[in-house]
PDB file of N, CA and C in Angstrom:
ATOM      1  N   ALA A   1      99.130  97.049  53.346  1.00  0.00           N
ATOM      2  CA  ALA A   1      98.410  98.188  52.798  1.00  0.00           C
ATOM      3  C   ALA A   1      96.927  98.064  53.139  1.00  0.00           C
ATOM      4  N   ASP A   2      96.289  99.193  53.330  1.00  0.00           N
ATOM      5  CA  ASP A   2      94.866  99.229  53.654  1.00  0.00           C
ATOM      6  C   ASP A   2      94.063  98.843  52.421  1.00  0.00           C
ATOM      7  N   GLN A   3      93.273  97.779  52.544  1.00  0.00           N
ATOM      8  CA  GLN A   3      92.494  97.324  51.399  1.00  0.00           C
ATOM      9  C   GLN A   3      91.407  98.310  51.002  1.00  0.00           C
ATOM     10  N   PHE A   4      91.094  99.268  51.869  1.00  0.00           N
ATOM     11  CA  PHE A   4      90.054 100.248  51.568  1.00  0.00           C
ATOM     12  C   PHE A   4      90.629 101.615  51.182  1.00  0.00           C
ATOM     13  N   ALA A   5      91.925 101.709  51.023  1.00  0.00           N
ATOM     14  CA  ALA A   5      92.576 102.999  50.803  1.00  0.00           C
ATOM     15  C   ALA A   5      92.014 103.757  49.601  1.00  0.00           C
ATOM     16  N   ASN A   6      91.598 103.061  48.571  1.00  0.00           N
ATOM     17  CA  ASN A   6      91.105 103.733  47.371  1.00  0.00           C
ATOM     18  C   ASN A   6      89.592 103.889  47.343  1.00  0.00           C
ATOM     19  N   GLU A   7      88.917 103.474  48.410  1.00  0.00           N
ATOM     20  CA  GLU A   7      87.462 103.589  48.465  1.00  0.00           C
ATOM     21  C   GLU A   7      87.064 104.901  49.120  1.00  0.00           C
ATOM     22  N   SER A   8      85.986 105.486  48.643  1.00  0.00           N
ATOM     23  CA  SER A   8      85.522 106.749  49.208  1.00  0.00           C
ATOM     24  C   SER A   8      84.359 106.561  50.169  1.00  0.00           C
ATOM     25  N   ARG A   9      83.956 105.308  50.421  1.00  0.00           N
ATOM     26  CA  ARG A   9      82.848 105.052  51.338  1.00  0.00           C
ATOM     27  C   ARG A   9      83.279 105.267  52.786  1.00  0.00           C
ATOM     28  N   SER A  10      82.356 105.791  53.580  1.00  0.00           N
ATOM     29  CA  SER A  10      82.649 106.009  54.995  1.00  0.00           C
ATOM     30  C   SER A  10      82.561 104.700  55.768  1.00  0.00           C
ATOM     31  N   VAL A  11      83.041 104.722  56.986  1.00  0.00           N
ATOM     32  CA  VAL A  11      82.946 103.561  57.861  1.00  0.00           C
ATOM     33  C   VAL A  11      81.481 103.204  58.082  1.00  0.00           C
ATOM     34  N   ILE A  12      80.643 104.208  58.254  1.00  0.00           N
ATOM     35  CA  ILE A  12      79.212 103.954  58.455  1.00  0.00           C
ATOM     36  C   ILE A  12      78.635 103.230  57.248  1.00  0.00           C
ATOM     37  N   GLU A  13      78.956 103.685  56.068  1.00  0.00           N
ATOM     38  CA  GLU A  13      78.448 103.037  54.850  1.00  0.00           C
ATOM     39  C   GLU A  13      78.934 101.594  54.755  1.00  0.00           C
ATOM     40  N   ARG A  14      80.176 101.341  55.139  1.00  0.00           N
ATOM     41  CA  ARG A  14      80.716  99.977  55.099  1.00  0.00           C
ATOM     42  C   ARG A  14      79.986  99.072  56.090  1.00  0.00           C
ATOM     43  N   PHE A  15      79.739  99.598  57.288  1.00  0.00           N
ATOM     44  CA  PHE A  15      78.996  98.812  58.272  1.00  0.00           C
ATOM     45  C   PHE A  15      77.570  98.566  57.806  1.00  0.00           C
ATOM     46  N   ARG A  16      76.942  99.593  57.271  1.00  0.00           N
ATOM     47  CA  ARG A  16      75.549  99.436  56.832  1.00  0.00           C
ATOM     48  C   ARG A  16      75.452  98.356  55.762  1.00  0.00           C
ATOM     49  N   GLU A  17      76.445  98.278  54.906  1.00  0.00           N
ATOM     50  CA  GLU A  17      76.468  97.262  53.860  1.00  0.00           C
ATOM     51  C   GLU A  17      76.726  95.871  54.435  1.00  0.00           C
ATOM     52  N   ALA A  18      77.502  95.809  55.510  1.00  0.00           N
ATOM     53  CA  ALA A  18      77.934  94.524  56.045  1.00  0.00           C
ATOM     54  C   ALA A  18      76.951  93.892  57.030  1.00  0.00           C
ATOM     55  N   VAL A  19      76.162  94.702  57.713  1.00  0.00           N
ATOM     56  CA  VAL A  19      75.273  94.136  58.731  1.00  0.00           C
ATOM     57  C   VAL A  19      73.821  94.205  58.263  1.00  0.00           C
ATOM     58  N   PRO A  20      72.987  93.300  58.759  1.00  0.00           N
ATOM     59  CA  PRO A  20      71.574  93.325  58.373  1.00  0.00           C
ATOM     60  C   PRO A  20      70.900  94.625  58.812  1.00  0.00           C
ATOM     61  N   ASN A  21      69.864  95.012  58.099  1.00  0.00           N
ATOM     62  CA  ASN A  21      69.169  96.265  58.409  1.00  0.00           C
ATOM     63  C   ASN A  21      68.565  96.288  59.811  1.00  0.00           C
ATOM     64  N   GLU A  22      68.246  95.114  60.359  1.00  0.00           N
ATOM     65  CA  GLU A  22      67.663  95.098  61.693  1.00  0.00           C
ATOM     66  C   GLU A  22      68.698  95.340  62.793  1.00  0.00           C
ATOM     67  N   VAL A  23      69.965  95.408  62.432  1.00  0.00           N
ATOM     68  CA  VAL A  23      71.028  95.741  63.378  1.00  0.00           C
ATOM     69  C   VAL A  23      71.253  97.248  63.319  1.00  0.00           C
ATOM     70  N   ALA A  24      71.022  97.904  64.450  1.00  0.00           N
ATOM     71  CA  ALA A  24      71.169  99.363  64.505  1.00  0.00           C
ATOM     72  C   ALA A  24      72.644  99.749  64.509  1.00  0.00           C
ATOM     73  N   ILE A  25      72.944 100.819  63.806  1.00  0.00           N
ATOM     74  CA  ILE A  25      74.293 101.369  63.766  1.00  0.00           C
ATOM     75  C   ILE A  25      74.262 102.716  64.481  1.00  0.00           C
ATOM     76  N   THR A  26      75.197 102.880  65.401  1.00  0.00           N
ATOM     77  CA  THR A  26      75.307 104.107  66.175  1.00  0.00           C
ATOM     78  C   THR A  26      76.558 104.845  65.727  1.00  0.00           C
ATOM     79  N   ALA A  27      76.441 106.147  65.552  1.00  0.00           N
ATOM     80  CA  ALA A  27      77.577 106.971  65.132  1.00  0.00           C
ATOM     81  C   ALA A  27      77.911 107.981  66.224  1.00  0.00           C
ATOM     82  N   SER A  28      79.194 108.198  66.433  1.00  0.00           N
ATOM     83  CA  SER A  28      79.639 109.189  67.411  1.00  0.00           C
ATOM     84  C   SER A  28      80.925 109.836  66.926  1.00  0.00           C
ATOM     85  N   GLY A  29      81.267 110.935  67.542  1.00  0.00           N
ATOM     86  CA  GLY A  29      82.513 111.626  67.228  1.00  0.00           C
ATOM     87  C   GLY A  29      82.315 112.805  66.302  1.00  0.00           C
ATOM     88  N   GLN A  30      82.695 113.961  66.765  1.00  0.00           N
ATOM     89  CA  GLN A  30      82.637 115.193  65.978  1.00  0.00           C
ATOM     90  C   GLN A  30      81.223 115.543  65.502  1.00  0.00           C
ATOM     91  N   ILE A  31      80.240 115.215  66.295  1.00  0.00           N
ATOM     92  CA  ILE A  31      78.859 115.601  65.979  1.00  0.00           C
ATOM     93  C   ILE A  31      78.524 116.794  66.860  1.00  0.00           C
ATOM     94  N   TRP A  32      78.566 117.974  66.259  1.00  0.00           N
ATOM     95  CA  TRP A  32      78.350 119.218  66.991  1.00  0.00           C
ATOM     96  C   TRP A  32      77.069 119.923  66.571  1.00  0.00           C
ATOM     97  N   THR A  33      76.661 119.740  65.346  1.00  0.00           N
ATOM     98  CA  THR A  33      75.504 120.475  64.829  1.00  0.00           C
ATOM     99  C   THR A  33      74.434 119.503  64.336  1.00  0.00           C
ATOM    100  N   ARG A  34      73.281 120.058  64.067  1.00  0.00           N
ATOM    101  CA  ARG A  34      72.197 119.246  63.487  1.00  0.00           C
ATOM    102  C   ARG A  34      72.652 118.664  62.149  1.00  0.00           C
ATOM    103  N   GLU A  35      73.346 119.473  61.376  1.00  0.00           N
ATOM    104  CA  GLU A  35      73.832 119.023  60.073  1.00  0.00           C
ATOM    105  C   GLU A  35      74.791 117.851  60.215  1.00  0.00           C
ATOM    106  N   ASP A  36      75.642 117.882  61.238  1.00  0.00           N
ATOM    107  CA  ASP A  36      76.560 116.762  61.485  1.00  0.00           C
ATOM    108  C   ASP A  36      75.771 115.487  61.747  1.00  0.00           C
ATOM    109  N   GLY A  37      74.763 115.591  62.603  1.00  0.00           N
ATOM    110  CA  GLY A  37      73.940 114.425  62.925  1.00  0.00           C
ATOM    111  C   GLY A  37      73.179 113.914  61.728  1.00  0.00           C
ATOM    112  N   GLU A  38      72.593 114.827  60.969  1.00  0.00           N
ATOM    113  CA  GLU A  38      71.848 114.414  59.775  1.00  0.00           C
ATOM    114  C   GLU A  38      72.761 113.764  58.749  1.00  0.00           C
ATOM    115  N   HIS A  39      73.982 114.265  58.641  1.00  0.00           N
ATOM    116  CA  HIS A  39      74.935 113.709  57.673  1.00  0.00           C
ATOM    117  C   HIS A  39      75.223 112.238  57.967  1.00  0.00           C
ATOM    118  N   VAL A  40      75.549 111.922  59.230  1.00  0.00           N
ATOM    119  CA  VAL A  40      75.875 110.533  59.535  1.00  0.00           C
ATOM    120  C   VAL A  40      74.641 109.644  59.423  1.00  0.00           C
ATOM    121  N   MET A  41      73.476 110.180  59.713  1.00  0.00           N
ATOM    122  CA  MET A  41      72.259 109.376  59.544  1.00  0.00           C
ATOM    123  C   MET A  41      71.975 109.142  58.060  1.00  0.00           C
ATOM    124  N   ASN A  42      72.270 110.117  57.229  1.00  0.00           N
ATOM    125  CA  ASN A  42      72.103 109.935  55.785  1.00  0.00           C
ATOM    126  C   ASN A  42      73.088 108.909  55.224  1.00  0.00           C
ATOM    127  N   LEU A  43      74.208 108.718  55.901  1.00  0.00           N
ATOM    128  CA  LEU A  43      75.181 107.701  55.487  1.00  0.00           C
ATOM    129  C   LEU A  43      74.749 106.299  55.890  1.00  0.00           C
ATOM    130  N   GLY A  44      73.778 106.212  56.818  1.00  0.00           N
ATOM    131  CA  GLY A  44      73.283 104.904  57.221  1.00  0.00           C
ATOM    132  C   GLY A  44      73.210 104.648  58.713  1.00  0.00           C
ATOM    133  N   ALA A  45      73.634 105.601  59.536  1.00  0.00           N
ATOM    134  CA  ALA A  45      73.526 105.424  60.986  1.00  0.00           C
ATOM    135  C   ALA A  45      72.062 105.506  61.400  1.00  0.00           C
ATOM    136  N   ASP A  46      71.716 104.755  62.430  1.00  0.00           N
ATOM    137  CA  ASP A  46      70.362 104.782  62.962  1.00  0.00           C
ATOM    138  C   ASP A  46      70.241 105.718  64.157  1.00  0.00           C
ATOM    139  N   PHE A  47      71.338 105.904  64.865  1.00  0.00           N
ATOM    140  CA  PHE A  47      71.370 106.746  66.053  1.00  0.00           C
ATOM    141  C   PHE A  47      72.616 107.609  66.039  1.00  0.00           C
ATOM    142  N   VAL A  48      72.528 108.740  66.716  1.00  0.00           N
ATOM    143  CA  VAL A  48      73.662 109.620  66.914  1.00  0.00           C
ATOM    144  C   VAL A  48      73.936 109.670  68.412  1.00  0.00           C
ATOM    145  N   VAL A  49      75.189 109.485  68.789  1.00  0.00           N
ATOM    146  CA  VAL A  49      75.587 109.520  70.187  1.00  0.00           C
ATOM    147  C   VAL A  49      76.496 110.727  70.384  1.00  0.00           C
ATOM    148  N   LEU A  50      76.215 111.496  71.411  1.00  0.00           N
ATOM    149  CA  LEU A  50      76.994 112.689  71.694  1.00  0.00           C
ATOM    150  C   LEU A  50      77.952 112.448  72.843  1.00  0.00           C
ATOM    151  N   GLY A  51      79.141 112.974  72.716  1.00  0.00           N
ATOM    152  CA  GLY A  51      80.130 112.899  73.783  1.00  0.00           C
ATOM    153  C   GLY A  51      80.510 114.301  74.198  1.00  0.00           C
ATOM    154  N   ALA A  52      81.618 114.779  73.659  1.00  0.00           N
ATOM    155  CA  ALA A  52      82.116 116.103  74.015  1.00  0.00           C
ATOM    156  C   ALA A  52      81.099 117.200  73.726  1.00  0.00           C
ATOM    157  N   SER A  53      80.377 117.077  72.624  1.00  0.00           N
ATOM    158  CA  SER A  53      79.396 118.114  72.298  1.00  0.00           C
ATOM    159  C   SER A  53      78.280 118.184  73.329  1.00  0.00           C
ATOM    160  N   ALA A  54      77.937 117.054  73.954  1.00  0.00           N
ATOM    161  CA  ALA A  54      76.908 117.056  75.002  1.00  0.00           C
ATOM    162  C   ALA A  54      77.449 117.631  76.302  1.00  0.00           C
ATOM    163  N   ILE A  55      78.732 117.420  76.568  1.00  0.00           N
ATOM    164  CA  ILE A  55      79.329 118.018  77.758  1.00  0.00           C
ATOM    165  C   ILE A  55      79.363 119.528  77.607  1.00  0.00           C
ATOM    166  N   ALA A  56      79.780 119.993  76.451  1.00  0.00           N
ATOM    167  CA  ALA A  56      79.864 121.430  76.207  1.00  0.00           C
ATOM    168  C   ALA A  56      78.487 122.075  76.064  1.00  0.00           C
ATOM    169  N   ASN A  57      77.504 121.296  75.628  1.00  0.00           N
ATOM    170  CA  ASN A  57      76.158 121.816  75.351  1.00  0.00           C
ATOM    171  C   ASN A  57      75.116 120.861  75.928  1.00  0.00           C
ATOM    172  N   PRO A  58      74.911 120.887  77.248  1.00  0.00           N
ATOM    173  CA  PRO A  58      73.990 119.937  77.873  1.00  0.00           C
ATOM    174  C   PRO A  58      72.565 119.984  77.313  1.00  0.00           C
ATOM    175  N   GLU A  59      72.178 121.084  76.743  1.00  0.00           N
ATOM    176  CA  GLU A  59      70.832 121.215  76.178  1.00  0.00           C
ATOM    177  C   GLU A  59      70.822 120.961  74.671  1.00  0.00           C
ATOM    178  N   TRP A  60      71.864 120.331  74.158  1.00  0.00           N
ATOM    179  CA  TRP A  60      72.003 120.089  72.722  1.00  0.00           C
ATOM    180  C   TRP A  60      70.743 119.506  72.086  1.00  0.00           C
ATOM    181  N   PRO A  61      70.126 118.474  72.654  1.00  0.00           N
ATOM    182  CA  PRO A  61      68.942 117.900  71.989  1.00  0.00           C
ATOM    183  C   PRO A  61      67.806 118.897  71.794  1.00  0.00           C
ATOM    184  N   ARG A  62      67.661 119.817  72.738  1.00  0.00           N
ATOM    185  CA  ARG A  62      66.612 120.844  72.592  1.00  0.00           C
ATOM    186  C   ARG A  62      67.058 121.977  71.668  1.00  0.00           C
ATOM    187  N   GLU A  63      68.274 122.424  71.874  1.00  0.00           N
ATOM    188  CA  GLU A  63      68.762 123.595  71.148  1.00  0.00           C
ATOM    189  C   GLU A  63      69.004 123.330  69.671  1.00  0.00           C
ATOM    190  N   VAL A  64      69.387 122.111  69.326  1.00  0.00           N
ATOM    191  CA  VAL A  64      69.735 121.798  67.947  1.00  0.00           C
ATOM    192  C   VAL A  64      68.541 121.959  67.012  1.00  0.00           C
ATOM    193  N   CYS A  65      67.354 121.923  67.562  1.00  0.00           N
ATOM    194  CA  CYS A  65      66.140 122.082  66.753  1.00  0.00           C
ATOM    195  C   CYS A  65      65.916 123.521  66.315  1.00  0.00           C
ATOM    196  N   HIS A  66      66.593 124.457  66.948  1.00  0.00           N
ATOM    197  CA  HIS A  66      66.449 125.868  66.599  1.00  0.00           C
ATOM    198  C   HIS A  66      67.454 126.245  65.518  1.00  0.00           C
ATOM    199  N   GLY A  67      67.015 126.996  64.553  1.00  0.00           N
ATOM    200  CA  GLY A  67      67.869 127.367  63.433  1.00  0.00           C
ATOM    201  C   GLY A  67      69.068 128.208  63.801  1.00  0.00           C
ATOM    202  N   ASP A  68      69.015 128.884  64.952  1.00  0.00           N
ATOM    203  CA  ASP A  68      70.100 129.788  65.326  1.00  0.00           C
ATOM    204  C   ASP A  68      71.077 129.165  66.327  1.00  0.00           C
ATOM    205  N   PHE A  69      71.033 127.861  66.513  1.00  0.00           N
ATOM    206  CA  PHE A  69      71.904 127.190  67.480  1.00  0.00           C
ATOM    207  C   PHE A  69      73.340 127.181  66.999  1.00  0.00           C
ATOM    208  N   SER A  70      74.223 127.670  67.846  1.00  0.00           N
ATOM    209  CA  SER A  70      75.653 127.634  67.574  1.00  0.00           C
ATOM    210  C   SER A  70      76.316 126.961  68.767  1.00  0.00           C
ATOM    211  N   PRO A  71      76.782 125.725  68.610  1.00  0.00           N
ATOM    212  CA  PRO A  71      77.291 124.983  69.763  1.00  0.00           C
ATOM    213  C   PRO A  71      78.549 125.595  70.360  1.00  0.00           C
ATOM    214  N   ARG A  72      78.633 125.518  71.675  1.00  0.00           N
ATOM    215  CA  ARG A  72      79.840 125.910  72.403  1.00  0.00           C
ATOM    216  C   ARG A  72      80.842 124.791  72.203  1.00  0.00           C
ATOM    217  N   ARG A  73      82.076 125.144  71.951  1.00  0.00           N
ATOM    218  CA  ARG A  73      83.128 124.147  71.730  1.00  0.00           C
ATOM    219  C   ARG A  73      84.264 124.346  72.723  1.00  0.00           C
ATOM    220  N   PHE A  74      85.083 123.321  72.849  1.00  0.00           N
ATOM    221  CA  PHE A  74      86.247 123.392  73.723  1.00  0.00           C
ATOM    222  C   PHE A  74      87.337 124.218  73.053  1.00  0.00           C
ATOM    223  N   PRO A  75      88.229 124.823  73.824  1.00  0.00           N
ATOM    224  CA  PRO A  75      88.433 124.662  75.262  1.00  0.00           C
ATOM    225  C   PRO A  75      87.418 125.476  76.076  1.00  0.00           C
ATOM    226  N   MET A  76      87.235 125.037  77.304  1.00  0.00           N
ATOM    227  CA  MET A  76      86.356 125.702  78.251  1.00  0.00           C
ATOM    228  C   MET A  76      87.129 125.925  79.539  1.00  0.00           C
ATOM    229  N   THR A  77      86.717 126.939  80.277  1.00  0.00           N
ATOM    230  CA  THR A  77      87.371 127.216  81.554  1.00  0.00           C
ATOM    231  C   THR A  77      86.939 126.184  82.588  1.00  0.00           C
ATOM    232  N   PRO A  78      87.725 126.016  83.637  1.00  0.00           N
ATOM    233  CA  PRO A  78      87.309 125.119  84.720  1.00  0.00           C
ATOM    234  C   PRO A  78      85.946 125.505  85.303  1.00  0.00           C
ATOM    235  N   ALA A  79      85.660 126.792  85.401  1.00  0.00           N
ATOM    236  CA  ALA A  79      84.363 127.227  85.932  1.00  0.00           C
ATOM    237  C   ALA A  79      83.214 126.815  85.005  1.00  0.00           C
ATOM    238  N   GLU A  80      83.423 126.929  83.696  1.00  0.00           N
ATOM    239  CA  GLU A  80      82.381 126.508  82.744  1.00  0.00           C
ATOM    240  C   GLU A  80      82.135 125.005  82.844  1.00  0.00           C
ATOM    241  N   LEU A  81      83.199 124.223  82.983  1.00  0.00           N
ATOM    242  CA  LEU A  81      83.049 122.780  83.118  1.00  0.00           C
ATOM    243  C   LEU A  81      82.364 122.418  84.428  1.00  0.00           C
ATOM    244  N   ALA A  82      82.744 123.093  85.509  1.00  0.00           N
ATOM    245  CA  ALA A  82      82.118 122.840  86.806  1.00  0.00           C
ATOM    246  C   ALA A  82      80.629 123.159  86.752  1.00  0.00           C
ATOM    247  N   ALA A  83      80.247 124.196  86.015  1.00  0.00           N
ATOM    248  CA  ALA A  83      78.837 124.558  85.874  1.00  0.00           C
ATOM    249  C   ALA A  83      78.063 123.472  85.140  1.00  0.00           C
ATOM    250  N   ARG A  84      78.757 122.633  84.405  1.00  0.00           N
ATOM    251  CA  ARG A  84      78.118 121.527  83.689  1.00  0.00           C
ATOM    252  C   ARG A  84      78.177 120.232  84.490  1.00  0.00           C
ATOM    253  N   ASP A  85      78.601 120.345  85.749  1.00  0.00           N
ATOM    254  CA  ASP A  85      78.635 119.219  86.696  1.00  0.00           C
ATOM    255  C   ASP A  85      79.552 118.084  86.275  1.00  0.00           C
ATOM    256  N   VAL A  86      80.643 118.404  85.577  1.00  0.00           N
ATOM    257  CA  VAL A  86      81.614 117.350  85.311  1.00  0.00           C
ATOM    258  C   VAL A  86      82.489 117.176  86.540  1.00  0.00           C
ATOM    259  N   SER A  87      83.120 116.051  86.671  1.00  0.00           N
ATOM    260  CA  SER A  87      83.905 115.756  87.863  1.00  0.00           C
ATOM    261  C   SER A  87      85.169 116.610  87.910  1.00  0.00           C
ATOM    262  N   PRO A  88      85.674 116.853  89.111  1.00  0.00           N
ATOM    263  CA  PRO A  88      86.938 117.609  89.207  1.00  0.00           C
ATOM    264  C   PRO A  88      88.069 116.922  88.448  1.00  0.00           C
ATOM    265  N   ARG A  89      88.063 115.600  88.423  1.00  0.00           N
ATOM    266  CA  ARG A  89      89.108 114.883  87.677  1.00  0.00           C
ATOM    267  C   ARG A  89      89.015 115.207  86.192  1.00  0.00           C
ATOM    268  N   PHE A  90      87.792 115.295  85.645  1.00  0.00           N
ATOM    269  CA  PHE A  90      87.617 115.635  84.236  1.00  0.00           C
ATOM    270  C   PHE A  90      88.138 117.043  83.966  1.00  0.00           C
ATOM    271  N   VAL A  91      87.840 117.969  84.882  1.00  0.00           N
ATOM    272  CA  VAL A  91      88.276 119.360  84.716  1.00  0.00           C
ATOM    273  C   VAL A  91      89.784 119.391  84.682  1.00  0.00           C
TER     274      VAL A  91
END
């Protein structure tokens, strides 16, 4: 049985508690909006890493600062992916 099954703390909170403050914690996965990034940083992450959201929104770091930013999400057409310079294998 999972020893953490009854705990409501996130993985980030568990890591932040377990490692010294001088060790940076990086969070990734499902970070699409500014609010998503701020949420994981409020949980204790020091950095936010973008994956799919950066592929779909190459200007995410600039655009996220604007209040009207609405991120593009997958699925995307092959032409949209090619316009973002992803490899043909990725497409």
